[in-house]
């Protein structure tokens, strides 16, 4: 059962990186940055160039939840920042 869950997460992770540009972008930025961290505001501003504020918020919230589930990155509500998960660096 555990291996089924891990396999689903692996497939989900691969699909997020391939078919969800925002998720791939967040991962790329985190990998490029020393310390593997980036503020949420950076991505909000970028999304608001293309979407209204409410749509940008919903989009980023979904990408955050999906990325966390797939174990691509972590998100800290307190600091409002993303961080790369060490085994994906």
C-alpha atoms as a PDB file:
ATOM      1  CA  UNK A   1       0.000   0.000   0.000  1.00  0.00           C
ATOM      2  CA  UNK A   2       2.797   2.438   0.885  1.00  0.00           C
ATOM      3  CA  UNK A   3       4.503   1.775  -2.448  1.00  0.00           C
ATOM      4  CA  UNK A   4       1.235   2.516  -4.280  1.00  0.00           C
ATOM      5  CA  UNK A   5       1.060   5.907  -2.575  1.00  0.00           C
ATOM      6  CA  UNK A   6       4.694   6.651  -3.366  1.00  0.00           C
ATOM      7  CA  UNK A   7       4.208   5.629  -6.993  1.00  0.00           C
ATOM      8  CA  UNK A   8       1.156   7.898  -7.315  1.00  0.00           C
ATOM      9  CA  UNK A   9       3.098  10.783  -5.794  1.00  0.00           C
ATOM     10  CA  UNK A  10       6.005  10.165  -8.166  1.00  0.00           C
ATOM     11  CA  UNK A  11       3.680  10.216 -11.177  1.00  0.00           C
ATOM     12  CA  UNK A  12       1.871  13.289  -9.866  1.00  0.00           C
ATOM     13  CA  UNK A  13       5.224  15.021  -9.292  1.00  0.00           C
ATOM     14  CA  UNK A  14       6.353  14.243 -12.854  1.00  0.00           C
ATOM     15  CA  UNK A  15       3.090  15.532 -14.320  1.00  0.00           C
ATOM     16  CA  UNK A  16       3.205  18.717 -12.256  1.00  0.00           C
ATOM     17  CA  UNK A  17       6.683  19.490 -13.517  1.00  0.00           C
ATOM     18  CA  UNK A  18       5.792  18.675 -17.098  1.00  0.00           C
ATOM     19  CA  UNK A  19       2.275  20.118 -17.452  1.00  0.00           C
ATOM     20  CA  UNK A  20       1.916  22.847 -14.786  1.00  0.00           C
ATOM     21  CA  UNK A  21       4.325  25.641 -15.698  1.00  0.00           C
ATOM     22  CA  UNK A  22       3.799  27.529 -12.432  1.00  0.00           C
ATOM     23  CA  UNK A  23       4.844  24.548 -10.338  1.00  0.00           C
ATOM     24  CA  UNK A  24       7.908  23.961 -12.515  1.00  0.00           C
ATOM     25  CA  UNK A  25       8.741  27.688 -12.261  1.00  0.00           C
ATOM     26  CA  UNK A  26       8.552  27.660  -8.454  1.00  0.00           C
ATOM     27  CA  UNK A  27      10.850  24.614  -8.336  1.00  0.00           C
ATOM     28  CA  UNK A  28      13.307  26.186 -10.777  1.00  0.00           C
ATOM     29  CA  UNK A  29      13.524  29.405  -8.746  1.00  0.00           C
ATOM     30  CA  UNK A  30      13.994  27.487  -5.486  1.00  0.00           C
ATOM     31  CA  UNK A  31      16.774  25.375  -7.006  1.00  0.00           C
ATOM     32  CA  UNK A  32      18.539  28.476  -8.357  1.00  0.00           C
ATOM     33  CA  UNK A  33      18.469  30.373  -5.080  1.00  0.00           C
ATOM     34  CA  UNK A  34      21.092  29.928  -2.411  1.00  0.00           C
ATOM     35  CA  UNK A  35      19.303  28.384   0.541  1.00  0.00           C
ATOM     36  CA  UNK A  36      16.486  27.133  -1.700  1.00  0.00           C
ATOM     37  CA  UNK A  37      13.924  29.669  -0.459  1.00  0.00           C
ATOM     38  CA  UNK A  38      11.685  32.287  -2.110  1.00  0.00           C
ATOM     39  CA  UNK A  39       8.921  34.557  -0.806  1.00  0.00           C
ATOM     40  CA  UNK A  40       5.339  33.919  -1.863  1.00  0.00           C
ATOM     41  CA  UNK A  41       5.034  37.577  -2.890  1.00  0.00           C
ATOM     42  CA  UNK A  42       7.451  37.011  -5.769  1.00  0.00           C
ATOM     43  CA  UNK A  43       5.074  34.546  -7.417  1.00  0.00           C
ATOM     44  CA  UNK A  44       1.958  36.576  -6.559  1.00  0.00           C
ATOM     45  CA  UNK A  45       3.372  39.598  -8.389  1.00  0.00           C
ATOM     46  CA  UNK A  46       4.284  37.498 -11.420  1.00  0.00           C
ATOM     47  CA  UNK A  47       0.795  35.962 -11.573  1.00  0.00           C
ATOM     48  CA  UNK A  48      -0.885  39.348 -11.194  1.00  0.00           C
ATOM     49  CA  UNK A  49       0.785  40.382 -14.456  1.00  0.00           C
ATOM     50  CA  UNK A  50      -1.557  37.876 -16.144  1.00  0.00           C
ATOM     51  CA  UNK A  51      -4.508  37.406 -13.768  1.00  0.00           C
ATOM     52  CA  UNK A  52      -6.572  39.544 -11.455  1.00  0.00           C
ATOM     53  CA  UNK A  53      -5.615  39.391  -7.783  1.00  0.00           C
ATOM     54  CA  UNK A  54      -8.290  36.858  -6.798  1.00  0.00           C
ATOM     55  CA  UNK A  55      -7.492  34.482  -9.665  1.00  0.00           C
ATOM     56  CA  UNK A  56      -3.765  34.812  -8.936  1.00  0.00           C
ATOM     57  CA  UNK A  57      -4.373  33.897  -5.288  1.00  0.00           C
ATOM     58  CA  UNK A  58      -6.477  30.838  -6.194  1.00  0.00           C
ATOM     59  CA  UNK A  59      -3.937  29.710  -8.761  1.00  0.00           C
ATOM     60  CA  UNK A  60      -1.015  30.039  -6.373  1.00  0.00           C
ATOM     61  CA  UNK A  61      -2.969  28.319  -3.584  1.00  0.00           C
ATOM     62  CA  UNK A  62      -3.664  25.331  -5.864  1.00  0.00           C
ATOM     63  CA  UNK A  63      -0.047  25.138  -7.086  1.00  0.00           C
ATOM     64  CA  UNK A  64       1.162  25.315  -3.483  1.00  0.00           C
ATOM     65  CA  UNK A  65      -1.116  22.487  -2.353  1.00  0.00           C
ATOM     66  CA  UNK A  66      -0.181  20.312  -5.319  1.00  0.00           C
ATOM     67  CA  UNK A  67       3.557  20.974  -4.922  1.00  0.00           C
ATOM     68  CA  UNK A  68       3.416  20.168  -1.224  1.00  0.00           C
ATOM     69  CA  UNK A  69       1.483  16.947  -1.848  1.00  0.00           C
ATOM     70  CA  UNK A  70       3.986  15.912  -4.528  1.00  0.00           C
ATOM     71  CA  UNK A  71       6.824  16.779  -2.116  1.00  0.00           C
ATOM     72  CA  UNK A  72       8.398  19.162  -4.606  1.00  0.00           C
ATOM     73  CA  UNK A  73       8.613  22.028  -2.144  1.00  0.00           C
ATOM     74  CA  UNK A  74       7.380  23.129   1.235  1.00  0.00           C
ATOM     75  CA  UNK A  75       5.473  26.269   2.162  1.00  0.00           C
ATOM     76  CA  UNK A  76       5.538  28.038   5.523  1.00  0.00           C
ATOM     77  CA  UNK A  77       2.376  30.038   6.235  1.00  0.00           C
ATOM     78  CA  UNK A  78       4.095  31.938   9.024  1.00  0.00           C
ATOM     79  CA  UNK A  79       6.956  33.263   6.893  1.00  0.00           C
ATOM     80  CA  UNK A  80       4.922  33.155   3.649  1.00  0.00           C
ATOM     81  CA  UNK A  81       7.817  31.511   1.867  1.00  0.00           C
ATOM     82  CA  UNK A  82       8.557  28.447  -0.208  1.00  0.00           C
ATOM     83  CA  UNK A  83      11.521  26.142   0.314  1.00  0.00           C
ATOM     84  CA  UNK A  84      12.858  23.283  -1.734  1.00  0.00           C
ATOM     85  CA  UNK A  85      12.657  19.839  -0.181  1.00  0.00           C
ATOM     86  CA  UNK A  86      16.227  18.617   0.271  1.00  0.00           C
ATOM     87  CA  UNK A  87      15.902  15.363  -1.682  1.00  0.00           C
ATOM     88  CA  UNK A  88      14.905  17.379  -4.792  1.00  0.00           C
ATOM     89  CA  UNK A  89      17.853  19.777  -4.772  1.00  0.00           C
END
